[in-house]
Amino acid sequence: MRLILAFFAALMLAPAALAQGTYKVKPGDVLQIEVLEDATLNRSALVLPDGRISFPLAGSVQAAGLTVDQIRDNLANRLAGNFATTPNVYVSVNSVAKRTGGGAARTISVYALGEVASPGEQKVKRGTTLLQFLSQTGGFTKFAATKRVQVRRRDPGTGKEHVFRFNYDAVEKGLGHGFGPLKDGDVIVVPQRRLFEW
């Protein structure tokens, strides 16, 4: 009986595994990356609007348009110089970007990365402020460097990226100002708090 149940379980899981192998990653997807030889590198990585992910010791790596197997191979090759042998890297799609059909003009895509409760692409109404967005994503994790929040915005005309700094602690104490309305494609980066940083 156990053998039959195991067989049916394998049949049910096979399409998901096959789908992961052929799925082409898109901006807004969140990848789960694990390195067998160094668990401190394990993390979720958001695919940014430019199609890349950022990973320690590997830098900026192309992800959009590639399968998880291709991303895995690229990461393993980029990390190889930091290990005695090429490391065993595992990549899977943790969540796919939310796609909406109609009403796209009323919403924009904003991306959260780092120490927020819900990283990834969020569809928000036009006019949403940074504070409203942070509230919608569930706020910060306990490791968030809330004084060093960044809003990264790419100028569509020049392609140049502008980085705006935001100190949530100051706003909370009534000493700072909120950030104006977010724009389509903005990336909110909440870095991890440093040792002894409060």
Protein backbone atom coordinates (compact mmCIF):
# COMPACT_ATOMS: atom_id res chain seq x y z
CA MET A 1 0.00 0.00 0.00
CA ARG A 2 2.86 2.38 0.87
CA LEU A 3 4.46 1.74 -2.50
CA ILE A 4 1.22 2.69 -4.28
CA LEU A 5 0.88 5.89 -2.24
CA ALA A 6 4.50 6.82 -2.95
CA PHE A 7 3.92 6.22 -6.66
CA PHE A 8 0.87 8.52 -6.74
CA ALA A 9 2.72 11.17 -4.72
CA ALA A 10 5.57 11.08 -7.24
CA LEU A 11 3.09 11.46 -10.10
CA MET A 12 1.53 14.49 -8.45
CA LEU A 13 4.89 16.19 -7.78
CA ALA A 14 6.39 15.49 -11.21
CA PRO A 15 4.49 18.26 -13.07
CA ALA A 16 5.62 20.85 -10.49
CA ALA A 17 9.24 19.77 -10.86
CA LEU A 18 8.95 19.79 -14.64
CA ALA A 19 7.36 23.25 -14.56
CA GLN A 20 10.24 24.60 -12.43
CA GLY A 21 12.72 23.17 -14.94
CA THR A 22 11.17 24.91 -17.96
CA TYR A 23 9.79 28.07 -16.35
CA LYS A 24 11.56 31.25 -17.43
CA VAL A 25 12.09 33.56 -14.47
CA LYS A 26 10.58 37.06 -14.72
CA PRO A 27 11.16 40.37 -12.91
CA GLY A 28 9.26 40.38 -9.63
CA ASP A 29 9.74 36.65 -9.02
CA VAL A 30 11.36 35.64 -5.74
CA LEU A 31 13.97 32.88 -5.89
CA GLN A 32 15.07 30.65 -3.02
CA ILE A 33 18.82 30.03 -3.23
CA GLU A 34 20.76 27.56 -1.08
CA VAL A 35 24.48 26.81 -1.08
CA LEU A 36 25.19 23.42 0.47
CA GLU A 37 28.76 24.30 1.48
CA ASP A 38 27.86 27.58 3.24
CA ALA A 39 24.42 27.93 4.84
CA THR A 40 25.07 31.61 5.64
CA LEU A 41 24.58 32.33 1.92
CA ASN A 42 21.08 30.81 1.84
CA ARG A 43 18.45 33.43 1.10
CA SER A 44 15.48 34.62 -0.92
CA ALA A 45 16.38 36.87 -3.84
CA LEU A 46 14.03 39.23 -5.63
CA VAL A 47 14.44 39.49 -9.41
CA LEU A 48 14.66 43.25 -9.93
CA PRO A 49 13.02 45.14 -12.81
CA ASP A 50 16.30 45.02 -14.75
CA GLY A 51 16.11 41.19 -14.60
CA ARG A 52 19.03 40.70 -12.20
CA ILE A 53 19.48 39.41 -8.67
CA SER A 54 22.15 40.38 -6.17
CA PHE A 55 23.92 37.57 -4.34
CA PRO A 56 26.86 37.65 -1.89
CA LEU A 57 30.24 36.71 -3.38
CA ALA A 58 28.63 36.55 -6.85
CA GLY A 59 27.49 40.15 -7.29
CA SER A 60 24.78 41.03 -9.79
CA VAL A 61 23.60 37.97 -11.75
CA GLN A 62 21.17 37.81 -14.68
CA ALA A 63 18.01 35.85 -13.82
CA ALA A 64 15.09 37.03 -15.97
CA GLY A 65 14.58 34.96 -19.09
CA LEU A 66 16.55 32.03 -17.67
CA THR A 67 15.45 28.75 -16.10
CA VAL A 68 16.33 27.92 -12.49
CA ASP A 69 18.89 25.40 -13.79
CA GLN A 70 20.65 28.10 -15.84
CA ILE A 71 20.64 30.48 -12.86
CA ARG A 72 22.00 27.69 -10.63
CA ASP A 73 24.87 27.01 -13.05
CA ASN A 74 25.71 30.74 -13.34
CA LEU A 75 25.74 31.15 -9.56
CA ALA A 76 27.86 28.02 -9.02
CA ASN A 77 30.42 29.27 -11.57
CA ARG A 78 30.51 32.76 -10.03
CA LEU A 79 30.93 31.31 -6.52
CA ALA A 80 33.53 28.66 -7.48
CA GLY A 81 36.52 30.93 -6.82
CA ASN A 82 35.49 31.22 -3.16
CA PHE A 83 35.47 27.47 -2.51
CA ALA A 84 37.95 24.61 -2.84
CA THR A 85 35.61 22.95 -5.36
CA THR A 86 32.59 24.22 -7.25
CA PRO A 87 29.80 24.55 -4.66
CA ASN A 88 26.45 22.76 -4.82
CA VAL A 89 23.85 25.45 -5.45
CA TYR A 90 20.09 24.87 -5.39
CA VAL A 91 17.68 27.40 -6.91
CA SER A 92 13.88 27.27 -6.87
CA VAL A 93 11.07 29.72 -7.54
CA ASN A 94 9.69 30.74 -4.15
CA SER A 95 6.93 32.93 -5.58
CA VAL A 96 6.08 34.30 -9.00
CA ALA A 97 5.37 37.95 -9.69
CA LYS A 98 1.75 38.90 -9.42
CA ARG A 99 0.29 39.44 -12.86
CA THR A 100 -2.84 41.45 -13.48
CA GLY A 101 -4.81 41.76 -16.67
CA GLY A 102 -7.19 44.70 -16.70
CA GLY A 103 -6.92 47.87 -14.69
CA ALA A 104 -3.17 48.10 -15.04
CA ALA A 105 -3.41 51.89 -15.45
CA ARG A 106 -4.76 52.19 -11.88
CA THR A 107 -1.95 50.22 -10.26
CA ILE A 108 1.81 50.27 -10.35
CA SER A 109 4.45 47.65 -9.56
CA VAL A 110 6.70 48.39 -6.59
CA TYR A 111 9.34 45.93 -5.42
CA ALA A 112 10.41 45.28 -1.82
CA LEU A 113 13.80 43.78 -1.08
CA GLY A 114 15.66 42.97 2.11
CA GLU A 115 14.35 43.11 5.65
CA VAL A 116 10.63 43.49 4.99
CA ALA A 117 7.95 41.03 6.02
CA SER A 118 6.80 40.36 2.43
CA PRO A 119 9.57 40.86 -0.16
CA GLY A 120 8.75 40.74 -3.84
CA GLU A 121 6.56 42.61 -6.29
CA GLN A 122 3.52 44.41 -4.92
CA LYS A 123 0.74 45.93 -6.98
CA VAL A 124 -0.32 49.19 -5.35
CA LYS A 125 -2.66 52.01 -6.27
CA ARG A 126 -1.14 55.03 -7.94
CA GLY A 127 -0.41 57.68 -5.33
CA THR A 128 0.63 55.17 -2.64
CA THR A 129 3.28 56.64 -0.34
CA LEU A 130 6.30 54.79 1.04
CA LEU A 131 4.76 54.55 4.52
CA GLN A 132 1.55 53.12 3.07
CA PHE A 133 3.58 50.66 1.02
CA LEU A 134 5.60 49.50 4.03
CA SER A 135 2.38 49.00 5.94
CA GLN A 136 0.93 46.97 3.05
CA THR A 137 3.98 44.66 3.00
CA GLY A 138 3.67 43.95 6.72
CA GLY A 139 6.41 46.29 7.87
CA PHE A 140 10.00 45.52 8.79
CA THR A 141 11.64 42.38 10.15
CA LYS A 142 13.41 42.57 13.51
CA PHE A 143 16.76 42.81 11.68
CA ALA A 144 15.84 45.87 9.59
CA ALA A 145 18.09 48.93 9.51
CA THR A 146 15.12 51.31 9.59
CA LYS A 147 17.34 54.41 9.51
CA ARG A 148 18.81 53.41 6.13
CA VAL A 149 15.80 52.57 3.95
CA GLN A 150 16.40 53.25 0.25
CA VAL A 151 14.03 54.02 -2.59
CA ARG A 152 15.78 53.18 -5.85
CA ARG A 153 14.20 54.76 -8.92
CA ARG A 154 15.37 54.44 -12.53
CA ASP A 155 14.83 57.40 -14.85
CA PRO A 156 13.01 55.95 -17.88
CA GLY A 157 14.55 58.55 -20.20
CA THR A 158 18.21 58.22 -19.27
CA GLY A 159 18.22 54.81 -17.56
CA LYS A 160 20.14 56.35 -14.65
CA GLU A 161 19.24 55.08 -11.19
CA HIS A 162 18.59 57.55 -8.38
CA VAL A 163 18.79 56.46 -4.75
CA PHE A 164 16.68 58.30 -2.18
CA ARG A 165 17.39 57.72 1.51
CA PHE A 166 14.59 57.43 4.07
CA ASN A 167 14.95 57.40 7.86
CA TYR A 168 11.86 55.68 9.27
CA ASP A 169 13.05 56.18 12.87
CA ALA A 170 13.09 59.96 12.41
CA VAL A 171 9.58 59.93 10.90
CA GLU A 172 8.33 57.78 13.76
CA LYS A 173 9.68 60.36 16.26
CA GLY A 174 8.08 63.22 14.30
CA LEU A 175 11.47 64.62 13.24
CA GLY A 176 11.45 63.66 9.56
CA HIS A 177 9.14 63.80 6.60
CA GLY A 178 7.45 60.97 4.76
CA PHE A 179 8.36 60.07 1.21
CA GLY A 180 6.04 61.22 -1.59
CA PRO A 181 4.09 58.94 -3.94
CA LEU A 182 5.94 55.92 -5.29
CA LYS A 183 6.37 55.41 -9.02
CA ASP A 184 6.06 52.32 -11.19
CA GLY A 185 9.22 50.19 -10.94
CA ASP A 186 10.47 51.70 -7.66
CA VAL A 187 12.55 49.28 -5.59
CA ILE A 188 12.41 49.64 -1.80
CA VAL A 189 15.60 48.28 -0.20
CA VAL A 190 15.67 47.71 3.56
CA PRO A 191 19.21 46.65 4.53
CA GLN A 192 20.07 44.41 7.44
CA ARG A 193 21.03 46.15 10.67
CA ARG A 194 24.77 46.14 11.40
CA LEU A 195 26.22 44.84 14.64
CA PHE A 196 25.59 47.43 17.39
CA GLU A 197 23.37 49.52 15.10
CA TRP A 198 20.11 50.60 16.72
